[in-house]
Amino acid sequence: MRFDEKKPLDVLLNDLFDRYSEGVPAVKQITAALVNKGVVNSQQDIVNDHVAFRTLGLPHLGIASLGKIFLHYGYTQRDHYHFEKKKLDAYWFSPPEPVYPRIFISELRVEELSAEARQIIQKYTTAIHSDPVDALDLDNGAEVAAFFHQPLWQRPTKADYQQLLAENEYAAWVIYNRYYLNHYTISVHALKDGYNTIEDFNTFAEGLGIRLNTEGGKIKTSPDGLLSQSSTVAEMKEALFAGGETLSIAGSYVEFAERRPLPQFSHIPAAQLTTAQRREGFETGNADKIFESTYTNQTKQ
């Protein structure tokens, strides 16, 4: 959905989504089909469950840095998630008002990478001696929006990208894409019957020729059964590297989420349920598999 642009947060979220949707054709393809089928009237009618960002866990960067932006706008930092095999940590941030999406920020535990991978990352980030967010006027939404699309370090070489990709695909994604929006999430439970379950929505998306992430199954569901998530496979894009070399790499993707009512509210009709009456937060097991929407085990199929 779009916001009225009266607040810095509105300006930021509108800009992030506009640029993201230009680079991820599945966004407009899904919206156009939903409009065509009379499910929604426009993008404005689609509820955005959350948006996600990837970062490097280094001084002056990472969750501590990027999170300052959303804390300034009234978000609240919530649960911590740990992904041992992927060498990641994450937090989610609850919005100041239900109209805004949740924020999910992850970071790479760089110190756990090989010496070679750490050296590559250090080559690009060593010049960052202060938190770049501290230099922003956070009350200027346009300035903050521009920050998400400005290079924090030099464009990597193709060889460095490929070496990181071989060891840790998350590291490779961040070294090229930086803070670019990783994905936005359609709240399928907010749609009308026939589209408001994760199973029905997946059938709809696949009917459009959209390929879904199959890691851990197309549907990833929390142990309590109240949060189910699916995602598209990341769009591939022709990336320009230092020295003019190019390579097709994973960009961003679209996620779908169904938040079911908490047991004590299961008797309430779906149209009357509030956000607070549905399952909140995230699930490590689900997110672990969703990350792989940009991984070669999905994009190369």
Protein backbone atom coordinates (compact mmCIF):
# COMPACT_ATOMS: atom_id res chain seq x y z
CA MET A 1 0.00 0.00 0.00
CA ARG A 2 1.00 3.62 -0.39
CA PHE A 3 1.07 6.26 2.30
CA ASP A 4 0.02 9.90 2.32
CA GLU A 5 3.60 11.24 2.35
CA LYS A 6 2.92 13.60 5.23
CA LYS A 7 5.44 11.87 7.46
CA PRO A 8 9.13 11.02 6.84
CA LEU A 9 8.29 7.33 7.33
CA ASP A 10 5.62 7.55 4.62
CA VAL A 11 8.07 9.12 2.17
CA LEU A 12 10.68 6.47 2.94
CA LEU A 13 8.35 3.49 2.57
CA ASN A 14 6.80 4.81 -0.64
CA ASP A 15 10.22 5.40 -2.20
CA LEU A 16 11.56 2.00 -1.12
CA PHE A 17 8.54 0.22 -2.55
CA ASP A 18 8.52 2.16 -5.81
CA ARG A 19 12.16 1.37 -6.56
CA TYR A 20 11.83 -2.23 -5.41
CA SER A 21 8.73 -2.88 -7.54
CA GLU A 22 10.52 -1.51 -10.60
CA GLY A 23 13.25 -4.12 -10.14
CA VAL A 24 11.02 -7.07 -9.24
CA PRO A 25 8.54 -7.74 -12.07
CA ALA A 26 6.60 -10.27 -9.96
CA VAL A 27 5.31 -7.41 -7.78
CA LYS A 28 3.40 -5.70 -10.57
CA GLN A 29 2.50 -9.02 -12.20
CA ILE A 30 0.81 -10.23 -9.01
CA THR A 31 -0.92 -6.91 -8.36
CA ALA A 32 -2.20 -6.66 -11.95
CA ALA A 33 -3.63 -10.17 -11.76
CA LEU A 34 -5.32 -9.47 -8.42
CA VAL A 35 -6.87 -6.32 -9.89
CA ASN A 36 -7.93 -8.18 -13.03
CA LYS A 37 -9.67 -10.85 -10.94
CA GLY A 38 -11.40 -8.25 -8.77
CA VAL A 39 -9.57 -9.27 -5.60
CA VAL A 40 -8.24 -5.72 -5.04
CA ASN A 41 -8.76 -2.39 -6.75
CA SER A 42 -5.11 -1.38 -6.65
CA GLN A 43 -1.77 -1.89 -4.90
CA GLN A 44 -3.20 0.35 -2.18
CA ASP A 45 -5.53 -2.46 -1.11
CA ILE A 46 -2.75 -4.99 -0.49
CA VAL A 47 -1.67 -5.17 3.16
CA ASN A 48 2.12 -5.29 3.52
CA ASP A 49 2.95 -7.67 6.38
CA HIS A 50 6.63 -6.78 6.55
CA VAL A 51 9.66 -5.61 4.62
CA ALA A 52 13.13 -7.06 5.11
CA PHE A 53 16.69 -5.81 4.89
CA ARG A 54 20.05 -7.59 4.92
CA THR A 55 23.16 -6.10 6.52
CA LEU A 56 26.73 -6.86 7.59
CA GLY A 57 27.41 -7.32 11.30
CA LEU A 58 30.32 -4.88 11.49
CA PRO A 59 31.07 -1.73 13.51
CA HIS A 60 28.99 1.22 12.20
CA LEU A 61 26.82 -1.13 10.12
CA GLY A 62 24.33 -3.91 10.77
CA ILE A 63 21.14 -3.98 12.81
CA ALA A 64 22.40 -1.44 15.34
CA SER A 65 22.88 1.09 12.56
CA LEU A 66 19.90 0.48 10.28
CA GLY A 67 17.55 -0.05 13.21
CA LYS A 68 18.11 3.56 14.35
CA ILE A 69 16.07 4.77 11.40
CA PHE A 70 13.00 2.79 12.33
CA LEU A 71 13.35 3.39 16.06
CA HIS A 72 13.33 7.12 15.28
CA TYR A 73 10.02 6.64 13.45
CA GLY A 74 8.41 4.98 16.45
CA TYR A 75 9.13 1.33 15.75
CA THR A 76 9.91 -0.99 18.68
CA GLN A 77 12.71 -3.56 18.52
CA ARG A 78 11.32 -6.99 19.36
CA ASP A 79 12.48 -10.62 19.29
CA HIS A 80 15.94 -11.85 18.39
CA TYR A 81 16.45 -14.71 15.92
CA HIS A 82 19.61 -16.76 15.42
CA PHE A 83 20.49 -18.73 12.30
CA GLU A 84 23.50 -20.85 13.17
CA LYS A 85 24.27 -22.49 9.81
CA LYS A 86 23.74 -19.31 7.80
CA LYS A 87 25.79 -17.31 10.34
CA LEU A 88 23.02 -14.74 10.75
CA ASP A 89 21.22 -12.86 13.50
CA ALA A 90 18.01 -10.89 13.12
CA TYR A 91 15.49 -8.75 14.96
CA TRP A 92 12.05 -7.63 13.98
CA PHE A 93 10.59 -4.22 14.73
CA SER A 94 6.89 -3.65 15.40
CA PRO A 95 5.36 -0.56 13.76
CA PRO A 96 4.13 2.57 15.56
CA GLU A 97 0.68 2.07 14.00
CA PRO A 98 -0.95 -1.05 12.49
CA VAL A 99 -1.10 0.60 9.05
CA TYR A 100 2.69 0.33 8.71
CA PRO A 101 4.55 -2.90 7.92
CA ARG A 102 6.73 -4.77 10.38
CA ILE A 103 10.46 -4.46 9.73
CA PHE A 104 12.77 -7.49 9.69
CA ILE A 105 16.52 -6.76 9.73
CA SER A 106 19.14 -9.49 9.58
CA GLU A 107 22.91 -9.25 9.76
CA LEU A 108 25.81 -11.51 8.85
CA ARG A 109 28.17 -12.60 11.62
CA VAL A 110 31.21 -11.64 9.57
CA GLU A 111 33.67 -12.80 12.23
CA GLU A 112 32.56 -16.41 11.63
CA LEU A 113 33.53 -16.40 7.95
CA SER A 114 36.84 -17.67 6.61
CA ALA A 115 39.86 -15.37 6.68
CA GLU A 116 39.60 -14.99 2.91
CA ALA A 117 35.95 -13.93 3.02
CA ARG A 118 36.57 -11.53 5.91
CA GLN A 119 39.43 -9.97 3.96
CA ILE A 120 37.19 -9.38 0.94
CA ILE A 121 34.49 -7.75 3.05
CA GLN A 122 37.05 -5.66 4.91
CA LYS A 123 38.44 -4.41 1.60
CA TYR A 124 35.11 -2.74 0.86
CA THR A 125 34.08 -1.64 4.35
CA THR A 126 37.36 -0.59 5.98
CA ALA A 127 36.83 3.06 4.98
CA ILE A 128 33.62 3.27 7.05
CA HIS A 129 34.80 4.92 10.28
CA SER A 130 31.44 6.16 11.57
CA ASP A 131 27.81 5.12 11.44
CA PRO A 132 26.40 6.53 8.16
CA VAL A 133 22.92 6.76 9.71
CA ASP A 134 24.24 9.32 12.22
CA ALA A 135 24.89 11.72 9.35
CA LEU A 136 21.27 11.64 8.18
CA ASP A 137 18.47 14.05 9.02
CA LEU A 138 15.97 11.36 9.97
CA ASP A 139 13.14 13.88 9.80
CA ASN A 140 13.84 14.30 6.08
CA GLY A 141 12.16 11.29 4.48
CA ALA A 142 13.60 11.98 1.03
CA GLU A 143 17.15 12.09 2.40
CA VAL A 144 16.69 8.82 4.26
CA ALA A 145 15.12 7.20 1.18
CA ALA A 146 18.10 8.26 -0.93
CA PHE A 147 20.46 6.73 1.63
CA PHE A 148 19.08 3.25 0.95
CA HIS A 149 20.18 3.56 -2.67
CA GLN A 150 23.57 5.21 -2.20
CA PRO A 151 26.73 3.08 -2.30
CA LEU A 152 28.22 2.52 1.14
CA TRP A 153 31.35 1.07 -0.46
CA GLN A 154 32.88 0.64 -3.88
CA ARG A 155 31.30 -1.62 -6.47
CA PRO A 156 32.78 -5.10 -5.91
CA THR A 157 34.76 -7.02 -8.48
CA LYS A 158 33.16 -10.03 -10.11
CA ALA A 159 35.89 -12.27 -8.67
CA ASP A 160 35.26 -11.06 -5.11
CA TYR A 161 31.52 -11.52 -5.50
CA GLN A 162 31.95 -15.05 -6.81
CA GLN A 163 34.36 -15.98 -4.02
CA LEU A 164 31.89 -14.78 -1.40
CA LEU A 165 29.06 -16.55 -3.21
CA ALA A 166 30.92 -19.85 -2.98
CA GLU A 167 31.21 -19.53 0.81
CA ASN A 168 28.19 -17.54 1.98
CA GLU A 169 25.49 -16.45 -0.44
CA TYR A 170 24.05 -13.91 1.99
CA ALA A 171 27.45 -12.17 2.12
CA ALA A 172 27.58 -11.98 -1.67
CA TRP A 173 24.05 -10.56 -1.85
CA VAL A 174 24.83 -7.78 0.63
CA ILE A 175 28.24 -6.86 -0.78
CA TYR A 176 26.55 -6.11 -4.11
CA ASN A 177 23.04 -4.93 -3.15
CA ARG A 178 23.85 -3.20 0.17
CA TYR A 179 20.66 -1.98 1.91
CA TYR A 180 18.38 -2.44 -1.08
CA LEU A 181 14.95 -3.75 -0.05
CA ASN A 182 15.19 -7.55 0.03
CA HIS A 183 11.46 -8.27 -0.11
CA TYR A 184 7.99 -7.09 0.76
CA THR A 185 5.26 -9.41 2.00
CA ILE A 186 1.63 -9.77 0.97
CA SER A 187 -0.73 -10.47 3.89
CA VAL A 188 -2.85 -13.09 2.14
CA HIS A 189 -5.25 -13.40 5.10
CA ALA A 190 -6.40 -9.86 4.34
CA LEU A 191 -7.61 -10.84 0.85
CA LYS A 192 -11.02 -12.21 -0.07
CA ASP A 193 -12.07 -15.87 -0.02
CA GLY A 194 -10.26 -17.97 -2.58
CA TYR A 195 -7.04 -16.02 -2.08
CA ASN A 196 -6.83 -15.65 1.70
CA THR A 197 -5.00 -18.86 2.58
CA ILE A 198 -1.39 -19.57 1.75
CA GLU A 199 -2.42 -22.67 -0.23
CA ASP A 200 -4.89 -20.74 -2.39
CA PHE A 201 -2.51 -17.85 -2.93
CA ASN A 202 0.33 -20.15 -3.96
CA THR A 203 -1.97 -21.79 -6.51
CA PHE A 204 -2.87 -18.34 -7.83
CA ALA A 205 0.78 -17.23 -8.06
CA GLU A 206 1.94 -20.41 -9.75
CA GLY A 207 -0.94 -20.03 -12.21
CA LEU A 208 0.74 -16.81 -13.31
CA GLY A 209 3.91 -18.74 -14.11
CA ILE A 210 5.69 -17.49 -10.98
CA ARG A 211 8.16 -19.93 -9.48
CA LEU A 212 8.09 -20.45 -5.71
CA ASN A 213 10.93 -21.18 -3.30
CA THR A 214 10.77 -24.93 -2.60
CA GLU A 215 13.38 -25.07 0.20
CA GLY A 216 11.68 -26.82 3.12
CA GLY A 217 8.55 -27.12 0.98
CA LYS A 218 6.68 -24.33 -0.77
CA ILE A 219 4.84 -23.54 2.47
CA LYS A 220 6.85 -22.91 5.63
CA THR A 221 4.71 -23.15 8.78
CA SER A 222 5.55 -22.37 12.41
CA PRO A 223 5.32 -25.19 14.99
CA ASP A 224 2.17 -23.64 16.45
CA GLY A 225 0.55 -23.77 13.01
CA LEU A 226 -0.41 -20.08 13.12
CA LEU A 227 2.12 -18.54 10.72
CA SER A 228 2.59 -19.84 7.17
CA GLN A 229 4.90 -18.24 4.63
CA SER A 230 5.88 -18.77 1.00
CA SER A 231 8.01 -16.74 -1.37
CA THR A 232 8.89 -16.35 -5.00
CA VAL A 233 12.36 -17.21 -6.25
CA ALA A 234 14.44 -14.04 -6.55
CA GLU A 235 14.45 -12.21 -9.85
CA MET A 236 17.77 -12.49 -11.67
CA LYS A 237 19.35 -9.27 -12.86
CA GLU A 238 22.34 -8.40 -14.98
CA ALA A 239 24.78 -6.85 -12.51
CA LEU A 240 27.66 -4.53 -13.39
CA PHE A 241 30.86 -5.12 -11.43
CA ALA A 242 34.06 -3.11 -11.07
CA GLY A 243 36.06 -3.06 -14.27
CA GLY A 244 32.95 -3.34 -16.42
CA GLU A 245 32.40 -7.08 -15.96
CA THR A 246 28.83 -8.35 -15.74
CA LEU A 247 27.10 -11.37 -14.25
CA SER A 248 23.50 -12.45 -13.75
CA ILE A 249 22.86 -12.43 -9.99
CA ALA A 250 19.93 -12.79 -7.59
CA GLY A 251 18.02 -9.63 -6.80
CA SER A 252 14.89 -9.38 -4.65
CA TYR A 253 11.67 -11.36 -4.35
CA VAL A 254 8.10 -11.32 -2.99
CA GLU A 255 6.90 -13.11 0.12
CA PHE A 256 3.37 -14.18 1.08
CA ALA A 257 2.28 -14.62 4.70
CA GLU A 258 -0.83 -15.95 6.40
CA ARG A 259 -1.23 -15.04 10.06
CA ARG A 260 -3.99 -17.11 11.62
CA PRO A 261 -6.00 -16.03 14.67
CA LEU A 262 -4.69 -16.82 18.12
CA PRO A 263 -6.66 -19.71 19.70
CA GLN A 264 -8.68 -17.44 21.97
CA PHE A 265 -9.89 -15.45 18.95
CA SER A 266 -10.51 -18.33 16.52
CA HIS A 267 -14.29 -17.92 16.86
CA ILE A 268 -14.21 -14.36 15.49
CA PRO A 269 -15.12 -13.95 11.79
CA ALA A 270 -12.02 -13.27 9.67
CA ALA A 271 -13.26 -9.85 8.52
CA GLN A 272 -13.54 -8.70 12.14
CA LEU A 273 -10.13 -9.87 13.35
CA THR A 274 -7.60 -7.22 14.29
CA THR A 275 -3.85 -7.45 13.85
CA ALA A 276 -3.44 -7.96 17.59
CA GLN A 277 -5.73 -11.00 17.47
CA ARG A 278 -3.59 -12.80 14.89
CA ARG A 279 -0.28 -14.58 15.33
CA GLU A 280 2.49 -11.99 15.76
CA GLY A 281 6.25 -12.06 15.23
CA PHE A 282 8.30 -14.42 13.10
CA GLU A 283 9.63 -17.96 13.20
CA THR A 284 13.28 -18.97 12.85
CA GLY A 285 12.50 -22.17 10.97
CA ASN A 286 10.35 -20.33 8.42
CA ALA A 287 12.77 -17.45 7.90
CA ASP A 288 15.74 -19.79 7.55
CA LYS A 289 14.16 -21.27 4.41
CA ILE A 290 12.80 -17.95 3.10
CA PHE A 291 16.37 -16.58 3.02
CA GLU A 292 17.12 -19.12 0.32
CA SER A 293 14.85 -17.35 -2.17
CA THR A 294 18.06 -15.64 -3.36
CA TYR A 295 20.28 -18.74 -3.13
CA THR A 296 21.54 -20.61 -6.18
CA ASN A 297 19.85 -23.84 -5.09
CA GLN A 298 16.61 -22.03 -5.99
CA THR A 299 17.59 -19.59 -8.74
CA LYS A 300 19.42 -22.21 -10.82
CA GLN A 301 16.55 -24.69 -10.95
